């Protein structure tokens, strides 16, 4: 099995359909199907069962996963180490972060990077999912969780406060909540459990067991806009919400905190273009 076939096999195994695998690899769906058929024919075994719910690995396919993943690790290590000694200030740098951090400082940092090094092309992905730097889904990530992998380099960027916010019209209509009663009589907007499970129990250190959930969202910008539209009380970063004239801070004395981390793979730390992108993000914040 060569690496081109192995990566197609892994994409189908991880995504479950030819269409999703093709989208992951940025190739045509028909090509994925042809390559899979050719691979199965060359090996003389069926690797997947074609079911109405998607492609399910056969016993032979399950055995092949471990070998294919080892090939993937070797190929990615080769790629990272090659890029790591690249001194060119040109080419693609993949950056992953959340939509709120992108809009509030990452995009501005990339604008300044572009002014200084116009031949560096940034591919920015905004998502609440934890992007895998090991699999080269990104070269840099800006996260609120510090990873524990020894292969990753982390840099603490900033610690920020969060508070509770709502519109003045909402608070006039419903009144200011009473601390300690679980936000009784109030509507709240929170993250979906897969994004921030803690919101199912507390926001800004206040239990939410007596509140009515008006909306669950999966993005920070959606959380902000729902609060601005008056759906209820929500937890937002103070540096973002304090400047918003549509919002009023509830209990200004109450706050919670979160940390922001810059993360990159150790193999890429010497790549000139990756280092330049990292430095542009770091320069956004004063020395800690």
C-alpha atoms as a PDB file:
ATOM      1  CA  UNK A   1       0.000   0.000   0.000  1.00  0.00           C
ATOM      2  CA  UNK A   2       1.450   3.377  -0.972  1.00  0.00           C
ATOM      3  CA  UNK A   3       0.775   6.576   0.992  1.00  0.00           C
ATOM      4  CA  UNK A   4      -1.666   8.070  -1.532  1.00  0.00           C
ATOM      5  CA  UNK A   5      -3.888   5.018  -1.217  1.00  0.00           C
ATOM      6  CA  UNK A   6      -3.411   4.874   2.545  1.00  0.00           C
ATOM      7  CA  UNK A   7      -4.578   8.446   3.072  1.00  0.00           C
ATOM      8  CA  UNK A   8      -7.693   7.810   0.977  1.00  0.00           C
ATOM      9  CA  UNK A   9      -8.385   4.655   2.974  1.00  0.00           C
ATOM     10  CA  UNK A  10      -8.005   6.578   6.257  1.00  0.00           C
ATOM     11  CA  UNK A  11     -10.241   9.407   5.087  1.00  0.00           C
ATOM     12  CA  UNK A  12     -13.045   6.973   4.225  1.00  0.00           C
ATOM     13  CA  UNK A  13     -12.582   5.177   7.546  1.00  0.00           C
ATOM     14  CA  UNK A  14     -12.755   8.455   9.497  1.00  0.00           C
ATOM     15  CA  UNK A  15     -15.571  10.120   7.572  1.00  0.00           C
ATOM     16  CA  UNK A  16     -17.715   7.150   6.609  1.00  0.00           C
ATOM     17  CA  UNK A  17     -18.690   8.290   3.106  1.00  0.00           C
ATOM     18  CA  UNK A  18     -16.911   8.898  -0.183  1.00  0.00           C
ATOM     19  CA  UNK A  19     -18.282  12.432  -0.367  1.00  0.00           C
ATOM     20  CA  UNK A  20     -16.989  13.415   3.079  1.00  0.00           C
ATOM     21  CA  UNK A  21     -13.638  11.745   2.425  1.00  0.00           C
ATOM     22  CA  UNK A  22     -13.313  13.617  -0.864  1.00  0.00           C
ATOM     23  CA  UNK A  23     -14.108  16.921   0.862  1.00  0.00           C
ATOM     24  CA  UNK A  24     -11.501  16.199   3.547  1.00  0.00           C
ATOM     25  CA  UNK A  25      -8.830  15.464   0.942  1.00  0.00           C
ATOM     26  CA  UNK A  26     -10.008  18.184  -1.473  1.00  0.00           C
ATOM     27  CA  UNK A  27     -10.277  15.755  -4.375  1.00  0.00           C
ATOM     28  CA  UNK A  28     -13.102  14.478  -6.558  1.00  0.00           C
ATOM     29  CA  UNK A  29     -15.531  11.925  -5.097  1.00  0.00           C
ATOM     30  CA  UNK A  30     -15.241   9.706  -8.164  1.00  0.00           C
ATOM     31  CA  UNK A  31     -11.454   9.628  -7.697  1.00  0.00           C
ATOM     32  CA  UNK A  32     -11.884   8.444  -4.117  1.00  0.00           C
ATOM     33  CA  UNK A  33     -14.176   5.653  -5.268  1.00  0.00           C
ATOM     34  CA  UNK A  34     -11.830   4.563  -8.043  1.00  0.00           C
ATOM     35  CA  UNK A  35      -8.793   4.562  -5.763  1.00  0.00           C
ATOM     36  CA  UNK A  36     -10.628   2.512  -3.135  1.00  0.00           C
ATOM     37  CA  UNK A  37     -11.732  -0.042  -5.714  1.00  0.00           C
ATOM     38  CA  UNK A  38      -8.199  -0.282  -7.084  1.00  0.00           C
ATOM     39  CA  UNK A  39      -6.770  -0.678  -3.574  1.00  0.00           C
ATOM     40  CA  UNK A  40      -9.178  -3.457  -2.664  1.00  0.00           C
ATOM     41  CA  UNK A  41      -8.476  -5.201  -5.963  1.00  0.00           C
ATOM     42  CA  UNK A  42      -4.690  -5.007  -5.487  1.00  0.00           C
ATOM     43  CA  UNK A  43      -4.946  -6.377  -1.927  1.00  0.00           C
ATOM     44  CA  UNK A  44      -7.511  -8.998  -2.842  1.00  0.00           C
ATOM     45  CA  UNK A  45      -9.729  -8.128   0.141  1.00  0.00           C
ATOM     46  CA  UNK A  46     -12.808  -6.038   0.849  1.00  0.00           C
ATOM     47  CA  UNK A  47     -11.857  -3.179   3.190  1.00  0.00           C
ATOM     48  CA  UNK A  48     -15.319  -1.674   3.666  1.00  0.00           C
ATOM     49  CA  UNK A  49     -18.903  -2.815   3.757  1.00  0.00           C
ATOM     50  CA  UNK A  50     -21.162  -0.470   1.790  1.00  0.00           C
ATOM     51  CA  UNK A  51     -24.172   0.138   4.045  1.00  0.00           C
ATOM     52  CA  UNK A  52     -27.065   2.653   3.885  1.00  0.00           C
ATOM     53  CA  UNK A  53     -25.482   4.545   6.792  1.00  0.00           C
ATOM     54  CA  UNK A  54     -22.037   4.692   5.194  1.00  0.00           C
ATOM     55  CA  UNK A  55     -18.834   2.755   4.751  1.00  0.00           C
ATOM     56  CA  UNK A  56     -18.066   0.368   7.620  1.00  0.00           C
ATOM     57  CA  UNK A  57     -14.635  -1.246   7.918  1.00  0.00           C
ATOM     58  CA  UNK A  58     -14.480  -5.019   7.511  1.00  0.00           C
ATOM     59  CA  UNK A  59     -12.204  -7.074   9.806  1.00  0.00           C
ATOM     60  CA  UNK A  60      -9.505  -6.740   7.142  1.00  0.00           C
ATOM     61  CA  UNK A  61     -10.132  -2.999   7.036  1.00  0.00           C
ATOM     62  CA  UNK A  62      -9.809  -2.692  10.800  1.00  0.00           C
ATOM     63  CA  UNK A  63      -6.463  -4.483  10.661  1.00  0.00           C
ATOM     64  CA  UNK A  64      -5.299  -2.086   7.947  1.00  0.00           C
ATOM     65  CA  UNK A  65      -6.088   1.015  10.015  1.00  0.00           C
ATOM     66  CA  UNK A  66      -3.095   0.622  12.336  1.00  0.00           C
ATOM     67  CA  UNK A  67      -0.643   0.180   9.461  1.00  0.00           C
ATOM     68  CA  UNK A  68      -2.147   3.104   7.538  1.00  0.00           C
ATOM     69  CA  UNK A  69      -1.960   5.373  10.578  1.00  0.00           C
ATOM     70  CA  UNK A  70       1.717   4.506  11.038  1.00  0.00           C
ATOM     71  CA  UNK A  71       2.297   5.484   7.413  1.00  0.00           C
ATOM     72  CA  UNK A  72       0.417   8.721   8.084  1.00  0.00           C
ATOM     73  CA  UNK A  73       2.538   9.524  11.122  1.00  0.00           C
ATOM     74  CA  UNK A  74       5.741   8.934   9.173  1.00  0.00           C
ATOM     75  CA  UNK A  75       4.562  11.023   6.217  1.00  0.00           C
ATOM     76  CA  UNK A  76       3.455  13.891   8.441  1.00  0.00           C
ATOM     77  CA  UNK A  77       6.686  13.814  10.426  1.00  0.00           C
ATOM     78  CA  UNK A  78       8.660  13.981   7.185  1.00  0.00           C
ATOM     79  CA  UNK A  79       6.522  16.911   6.045  1.00  0.00           C
ATOM     80  CA  UNK A  80       6.808  18.790   9.344  1.00  0.00           C
ATOM     81  CA  UNK A  81      10.563  18.314   9.610  1.00  0.00           C
ATOM     82  CA  UNK A  82      11.043  19.458   6.014  1.00  0.00           C
ATOM     83  CA  UNK A  83       8.918  22.542   6.623  1.00  0.00           C
ATOM     84  CA  UNK A  84      10.717  23.138   9.895  1.00  0.00           C
ATOM     85  CA  UNK A  85      13.957  24.029   8.130  1.00  0.00           C
ATOM     86  CA  UNK A  86      12.250  26.140   5.446  1.00  0.00           C
ATOM     87  CA  UNK A  87      13.621  29.682   5.647  1.00  0.00           C
ATOM     88  CA  UNK A  88      11.300  31.173   3.043  1.00  0.00           C
ATOM     89  CA  UNK A  89       8.955  33.949   4.127  1.00  0.00           C
ATOM     90  CA  UNK A  90       6.395  32.756   1.585  1.00  0.00           C
ATOM     91  CA  UNK A  91       3.884  29.971   1.197  1.00  0.00           C
ATOM     92  CA  UNK A  92       0.856  28.767   3.152  1.00  0.00           C
ATOM     93  CA  UNK A  93       0.387  28.914   6.925  1.00  0.00           C
ATOM     94  CA  UNK A  94      -2.752  27.258   8.339  1.00  0.00           C
ATOM     95  CA  UNK A  95      -4.171  28.938  11.440  1.00  0.00           C
ATOM     96  CA  UNK A  96      -7.039  27.572  13.535  1.00  0.00           C
ATOM     97  CA  UNK A  97      -8.976  29.496  16.185  1.00  0.00           C
ATOM     98  CA  UNK A  98     -12.502  30.365  17.289  1.00  0.00           C
ATOM     99  CA  UNK A  99     -14.678  32.893  15.467  1.00  0.00           C
ATOM    100  CA  UNK A 100     -14.562  35.387  18.335  1.00  0.00           C
ATOM    101  CA  UNK A 101     -10.777  35.286  18.674  1.00  0.00           C
ATOM    102  CA  UNK A 102     -10.448  35.534  14.900  1.00  0.00           C
ATOM    103  CA  UNK A 103     -12.616  38.646  14.745  1.00  0.00           C
ATOM    104  CA  UNK A 104     -11.120  40.331  17.798  1.00  0.00           C
ATOM    105  CA  UNK A 105      -7.387  39.880  17.279  1.00  0.00           C
ATOM    106  CA  UNK A 106      -6.205  37.036  15.035  1.00  0.00           C
ATOM    107  CA  UNK A 107      -7.347  38.543  11.730  1.00  0.00           C
ATOM    108  CA  UNK A 108      -5.812  41.897  12.670  1.00  0.00           C
ATOM    109  CA  UNK A 109      -2.530  40.133  13.490  1.00  0.00           C
ATOM    110  CA  UNK A 110      -2.652  38.402  10.099  1.00  0.00           C
ATOM    111  CA  UNK A 111      -3.294  41.764   8.411  1.00  0.00           C
ATOM    112  CA  UNK A 112      -0.103  43.110   9.936  1.00  0.00           C
ATOM    113  CA  UNK A 113       1.721  39.941   8.914  1.00  0.00           C
ATOM    114  CA  UNK A 114       0.503  40.409   5.330  1.00  0.00           C
ATOM    115  CA  UNK A 115       1.760  43.987   5.268  1.00  0.00           C
ATOM    116  CA  UNK A 116       5.204  42.821   6.315  1.00  0.00           C
ATOM    117  CA  UNK A 117       5.359  39.539   4.361  1.00  0.00           C
ATOM    118  CA  UNK A 118       2.832  39.691   1.487  1.00  0.00           C
ATOM    119  CA  UNK A 119       3.945  36.339   0.027  1.00  0.00           C
ATOM    120  CA  UNK A 120       2.723  34.426   3.082  1.00  0.00           C
ATOM    121  CA  UNK A 121      -0.770  33.113   2.456  1.00  0.00           C
ATOM    122  CA  UNK A 122      -2.908  32.472   5.532  1.00  0.00           C
ATOM    123  CA  UNK A 123      -5.552  29.744   5.537  1.00  0.00           C
ATOM    124  CA  UNK A 124      -7.737  30.571   8.535  1.00  0.00           C
ATOM    125  CA  UNK A 125     -10.190  28.049  10.000  1.00  0.00           C
ATOM    126  CA  UNK A 126     -12.664  29.123  12.688  1.00  0.00           C
ATOM    127  CA  UNK A 127     -14.249  26.375  14.714  1.00  0.00           C
ATOM    128  CA  UNK A 128     -14.873  25.280  18.278  1.00  0.00           C
ATOM    129  CA  UNK A 129     -13.409  21.859  17.425  1.00  0.00           C
ATOM    130  CA  UNK A 130      -9.920  21.062  18.677  1.00  0.00           C
ATOM    131  CA  UNK A 131      -7.827  21.020  15.524  1.00  0.00           C
ATOM    132  CA  UNK A 132      -5.119  18.364  15.262  1.00  0.00           C
ATOM    133  CA  UNK A 133      -1.723  19.972  14.741  1.00  0.00           C
ATOM    134  CA  UNK A 134      -0.150  16.522  14.680  1.00  0.00           C
ATOM    135  CA  UNK A 135      -2.105  15.653  11.504  1.00  0.00           C
ATOM    136  CA  UNK A 136      -1.269  19.052   9.926  1.00  0.00           C
ATOM    137  CA  UNK A 137      -4.879  20.225  10.060  1.00  0.00           C
ATOM    138  CA  UNK A 138      -3.254  23.487  11.127  1.00  0.00           C
ATOM    139  CA  UNK A 139       0.264  24.837  11.620  1.00  0.00           C
ATOM    140  CA  UNK A 140      -0.768  27.187  14.436  1.00  0.00           C
ATOM    141  CA  UNK A 141      -3.749  27.210  16.748  1.00  0.00           C
ATOM    142  CA  UNK A 142      -5.042  29.812  19.186  1.00  0.00           C
ATOM    143  CA  UNK A 143      -6.953  27.977  21.899  1.00  0.00           C
ATOM    144  CA  UNK A 144      -8.504  28.429  25.324  1.00  0.00           C
ATOM    145  CA  UNK A 145      -7.333  24.961  26.402  1.00  0.00           C
ATOM    146  CA  UNK A 146      -3.661  24.153  26.922  1.00  0.00           C
ATOM    147  CA  UNK A 147      -2.774  20.882  25.176  1.00  0.00           C
ATOM    148  CA  UNK A 148      -0.709  18.284  27.001  1.00  0.00           C
ATOM    149  CA  UNK A 149       1.039  16.598  24.045  1.00  0.00           C
ATOM    150  CA  UNK A 150       4.843  16.726  24.405  1.00  0.00           C
ATOM    151  CA  UNK A 151       5.111  17.278  20.645  1.00  0.00           C
ATOM    152  CA  UNK A 152       3.402  20.675  20.898  1.00  0.00           C
ATOM    153  CA  UNK A 153       4.885  24.025  21.908  1.00  0.00           C
ATOM    154  CA  UNK A 154       2.580  26.355  23.829  1.00  0.00           C
ATOM    155  CA  UNK A 155       2.814  30.059  24.604  1.00  0.00           C
ATOM    156  CA  UNK A 156       0.479  31.770  27.050  1.00  0.00           C
ATOM    157  CA  UNK A 157      -0.938  34.856  25.363  1.00  0.00           C
ATOM    158  CA  UNK A 158      -3.355  36.433  27.821  1.00  0.00           C
ATOM    159  CA  UNK A 159      -5.777  35.829  30.693  1.00  0.00           C
ATOM    160  CA  UNK A 160      -9.170  37.428  30.180  1.00  0.00           C
ATOM    161  CA  UNK A 161     -12.309  38.002  32.214  1.00  0.00           C
ATOM    162  CA  UNK A 162     -15.853  36.901  31.460  1.00  0.00           C
ATOM    163  CA  UNK A 163     -19.053  38.429  32.810  1.00  0.00           C
ATOM    164  CA  UNK A 164     -22.812  38.147  32.446  1.00  0.00           C
ATOM    165  CA  UNK A 165     -24.548  40.395  29.914  1.00  0.00           C
ATOM    166  CA  UNK A 166     -28.030  41.182  28.634  1.00  0.00           C
ATOM    167  CA  UNK A 167     -29.781  44.055  26.893  1.00  0.00           C
ATOM    168  CA  UNK A 168     -31.177  46.964  28.899  1.00  0.00           C
ATOM    169  CA  UNK A 169     -34.634  46.168  27.487  1.00  0.00           C
ATOM    170  CA  UNK A 170     -34.405  42.566  28.719  1.00  0.00           C
ATOM    171  CA  UNK A 171     -33.373  43.658  32.232  1.00  0.00           C
ATOM    172  CA  UNK A 172     -36.123  46.299  32.354  1.00  0.00           C
ATOM    173  CA  UNK A 173     -38.676  43.659  31.408  1.00  0.00           C
ATOM    174  CA  UNK A 174     -37.407  40.808  33.604  1.00  0.00           C
ATOM    175  CA  UNK A 175     -35.479  42.604  36.329  1.00  0.00           C
ATOM    176  CA  UNK A 176     -31.924  42.081  37.536  1.00  0.00           C
ATOM    177  CA  UNK A 177     -31.307  38.491  38.666  1.00  0.00           C
ATOM    178  CA  UNK A 178     -30.652  37.795  42.335  1.00  0.00           C
ATOM    179  CA  UNK A 179     -27.251  36.202  43.027  1.00  0.00           C
ATOM    180  CA  UNK A 180     -27.433  32.708  44.445  1.00  0.00           C
ATOM    181  CA  UNK A 181     -30.912  31.681  43.255  1.00  0.00           C
ATOM    182  CA  UNK A 182     -29.829  29.845  40.097  1.00  0.00           C
ATOM    183  CA  UNK A 183     -31.025  32.667  37.777  1.00  0.00           C
ATOM    184  CA  UNK A 184     -34.644  31.943  38.680  1.00  0.00           C
ATOM    185  CA  UNK A 185     -37.132  33.710  36.428  1.00  0.00           C
ATOM    186  CA  UNK A 186     -34.594  34.376  33.699  1.00  0.00           C
ATOM    187  CA  UNK A 187     -33.796  33.132  30.220  1.00  0.00           C
ATOM    188  CA  UNK A 188     -30.221  32.267  29.307  1.00  0.00           C
ATOM    189  CA  UNK A 189     -28.247  31.676  26.117  1.00  0.00           C
ATOM    190  CA  UNK A 190     -25.489  29.089  26.458  1.00  0.00           C
ATOM    191  CA  UNK A 191     -23.069  26.970  24.454  1.00  0.00           C
ATOM    192  CA  UNK A 192     -24.066  23.520  23.299  1.00  0.00           C
ATOM    193  CA  UNK A 193     -22.691  20.762  25.573  1.00  0.00           C
ATOM    194  CA  UNK A 194     -20.120  19.693  22.988  1.00  0.00           C
ATOM    195  CA  UNK A 195     -18.612  23.189  23.017  1.00  0.00           C
ATOM    196  CA  UNK A 196     -18.711  24.084  26.724  1.00  0.00           C
ATOM    197  CA  UNK A 197     -20.401  21.498  28.905  1.00  0.00           C
ATOM    198  CA  UNK A 198     -19.895  23.692  31.980  1.00  0.00           C
ATOM    199  CA  UNK A 199     -22.669  25.971  30.646  1.00  0.00           C
ATOM    200  CA  UNK A 200     -25.131  23.204  31.454  1.00  0.00           C
ATOM    201  CA  UNK A 201     -24.344  23.825  35.129  1.00  0.00           C
ATOM    202  CA  UNK A 202     -22.967  27.357  35.547  1.00  0.00           C
ATOM    203  CA  UNK A 203     -22.299  30.601  33.714  1.00  0.00           C
ATOM    204  CA  UNK A 204     -19.866  33.044  35.260  1.00  0.00           C
ATOM    205  CA  UNK A 205     -19.793  30.891  38.416  1.00  0.00           C
ATOM    206  CA  UNK A 206     -23.578  31.157  38.885  1.00  0.00           C
ATOM    207  CA  UNK A 207     -25.624  27.919  38.839  1.00  0.00           C
ATOM    208  CA  UNK A 208     -28.268  27.855  36.098  1.00  0.00           C
ATOM    209  CA  UNK A 209     -30.610  25.161  37.458  1.00  0.00           C
ATOM    210  CA  UNK A 210     -33.539  27.580  37.838  1.00  0.00           C
ATOM    211  CA  UNK A 211     -33.048  29.360  34.496  1.00  0.00           C
ATOM    212  CA  UNK A 212     -34.864  28.643  31.244  1.00  0.00           C
ATOM    213  CA  UNK A 213     -32.542  27.946  28.318  1.00  0.00           C
ATOM    214  CA  UNK A 214     -33.722  30.105  25.420  1.00  0.00           C
ATOM    215  CA  UNK A 215     -31.025  28.997  22.983  1.00  0.00           C
ATOM    216  CA  UNK A 216     -27.930  26.809  22.716  1.00  0.00           C
ATOM    217  CA  UNK A 217     -25.305  27.819  20.150  1.00  0.00           C
ATOM    218  CA  UNK A 218     -22.000  26.453  18.888  1.00  0.00           C
ATOM    219  CA  UNK A 219     -20.140  29.693  18.179  1.00  0.00           C
ATOM    220  CA  UNK A 220     -19.050  32.717  20.147  1.00  0.00           C
ATOM    221  CA  UNK A 221     -20.364  35.202  17.605  1.00  0.00           C
ATOM    222  CA  UNK A 222     -23.780  33.505  17.715  1.00  0.00           C
ATOM    223  CA  UNK A 223     -23.685  33.754  21.525  1.00  0.00           C
ATOM    224  CA  UNK A 224     -22.947  37.470  21.280  1.00  0.00           C
ATOM    225  CA  UNK A 225     -25.655  38.130  18.696  1.00  0.00           C
ATOM    226  CA  UNK A 226     -28.282  36.177  20.650  1.00  0.00           C
ATOM    227  CA  UNK A 227     -27.542  38.336  23.692  1.00  0.00           C
ATOM    228  CA  UNK A 228     -27.713  41.491  21.565  1.00  0.00           C
ATOM    229  CA  UNK A 229     -31.109  40.417  20.240  1.00  0.00           C
ATOM    230  CA  UNK A 230     -32.454  40.190  23.797  1.00  0.00           C
ATOM    231  CA  UNK A 231     -32.922  36.426  24.065  1.00  0.00           C
ATOM    232  CA  UNK A 232     -31.575  36.361  27.581  1.00  0.00           C
ATOM    233  CA  UNK A 233     -28.546  36.563  29.834  1.00  0.00           C
ATOM    234  CA  UNK A 234     -25.291  35.041  28.668  1.00  0.00           C
ATOM    235  CA  UNK A 235     -21.622  34.763  29.593  1.00  0.00           C
ATOM    236  CA  UNK A 236     -19.305  36.757  27.330  1.00  0.00           C
ATOM    237  CA  UNK A 237     -15.669  37.926  27.330  1.00  0.00           C
ATOM    238  CA  UNK A 238     -15.547  41.347  28.969  1.00  0.00           C
ATOM    239  CA  UNK A 239     -13.092  42.804  26.452  1.00  0.00           C
ATOM    240  CA  UNK A 240     -15.675  42.084  23.754  1.00  0.00           C
ATOM    241  CA  UNK A 241     -18.999  42.786  25.463  1.00  0.00           C
ATOM    242  CA  UNK A 242     -18.003  45.891  27.477  1.00  0.00           C
ATOM    243  CA  UNK A 243     -17.568  47.804  24.210  1.00  0.00           C
ATOM    244  CA  UNK A 244     -20.971  46.753  22.861  1.00  0.00           C
ATOM    245  CA  UNK A 245     -23.540  49.509  23.369  1.00  0.00           C
ATOM    246  CA  UNK A 246     -26.392  47.015  23.003  1.00  0.00           C
ATOM    247  CA  UNK A 247     -25.369  45.168  26.165  1.00  0.00           C
ATOM    248  CA  UNK A 248     -25.381  45.866  29.881  1.00  0.00           C
ATOM    249  CA  UNK A 249     -23.195  43.972  32.310  1.00  0.00           C
ATOM    250  CA  UNK A 250     -25.094  42.094  35.017  1.00  0.00           C
ATOM    251  CA  UNK A 251     -23.333  41.994  38.409  1.00  0.00           C
ATOM    252  CA  UNK A 252     -20.180  43.951  37.382  1.00  0.00           C
ATOM    253  CA  UNK A 253     -18.426  42.693  40.505  1.00  0.00           C
ATOM    254  CA  UNK A 254     -18.795  39.060  39.325  1.00  0.00           C
ATOM    255  CA  UNK A 255     -16.329  37.606  36.816  1.00  0.00           C
ATOM    256  CA  UNK A 256     -14.756  34.354  35.702  1.00  0.00           C
ATOM    257  CA  UNK A 257     -11.489  33.936  33.789  1.00  0.00           C
ATOM    258  CA  UNK A 258     -10.030  32.009  30.880  1.00  0.00           C
ATOM    259  CA  UNK A 259      -6.575  31.710  29.326  1.00  0.00           C
ATOM    260  CA  UNK A 260      -5.601  32.001  25.671  1.00  0.00           C
ATOM    261  CA  UNK A 261      -2.755  29.877  24.298  1.00  0.00           C
ATOM    262  CA  UNK A 262      -0.781  29.872  21.064  1.00  0.00           C
ATOM    263  CA  UNK A 263       0.076  26.321  20.023  1.00  0.00           C
ATOM    264  CA  UNK A 264       2.345  24.926  17.299  1.00  0.00           C
ATOM    265  CA  UNK A 265       4.030  21.629  16.565  1.00  0.00           C
ATOM    266  CA  UNK A 266       7.658  21.475  17.663  1.00  0.00           C
ATOM    267  CA  UNK A 267       8.752  20.351  14.192  1.00  0.00           C
ATOM    268  CA  UNK A 268       7.411  23.593  12.691  1.00  0.00           C
ATOM    269  CA  UNK A 269       8.922  25.988  15.204  1.00  0.00           C
ATOM    270  CA  UNK A 270      11.880  26.750  12.906  1.00  0.00           C
ATOM    271  CA  UNK A 271       9.820  27.347   9.769  1.00  0.00           C
ATOM    272  CA  UNK A 272      10.265  31.017   8.890  1.00  0.00           C
ATOM    273  CA  UNK A 273       6.713  31.612   7.716  1.00  0.00           C
ATOM    274  CA  UNK A 274       5.142  29.753  10.656  1.00  0.00           C
ATOM    275  CA  UNK A 275       7.389  31.600  13.076  1.00  0.00           C
ATOM    276  CA  UNK A 276       6.452  34.935  11.455  1.00  0.00           C
ATOM    277  CA  UNK A 277       2.744  34.165  11.850  1.00  0.00           C
ATOM    278  CA  UNK A 278       3.272  33.151  15.470  1.00  0.00           C
ATOM    279  CA  UNK A 279       5.239  36.337  16.193  1.00  0.00           C
ATOM    280  CA  UNK A 280       2.471  38.472  14.673  1.00  0.00           C
ATOM    281  CA  UNK A 281      -0.072  36.907  17.024  1.00  0.00           C
ATOM    282  CA  UNK A 282       2.221  37.188  20.042  1.00  0.00           C
ATOM    283  CA  UNK A 283       2.852  40.883  19.273  1.00  0.00           C
ATOM    284  CA  UNK A 284      -0.868  41.554  19.772  1.00  0.00           C
ATOM    285  CA  UNK A 285      -0.404  41.216  23.515  1.00  0.00           C
ATOM    286  CA  UNK A 286       1.924  43.087  25.897  1.00  0.00           C
ATOM    287  CA  UNK A 287       4.699  41.192  27.612  1.00  0.00           C
ATOM    288  CA  UNK A 288       3.285  38.964  30.322  1.00  0.00           C
END
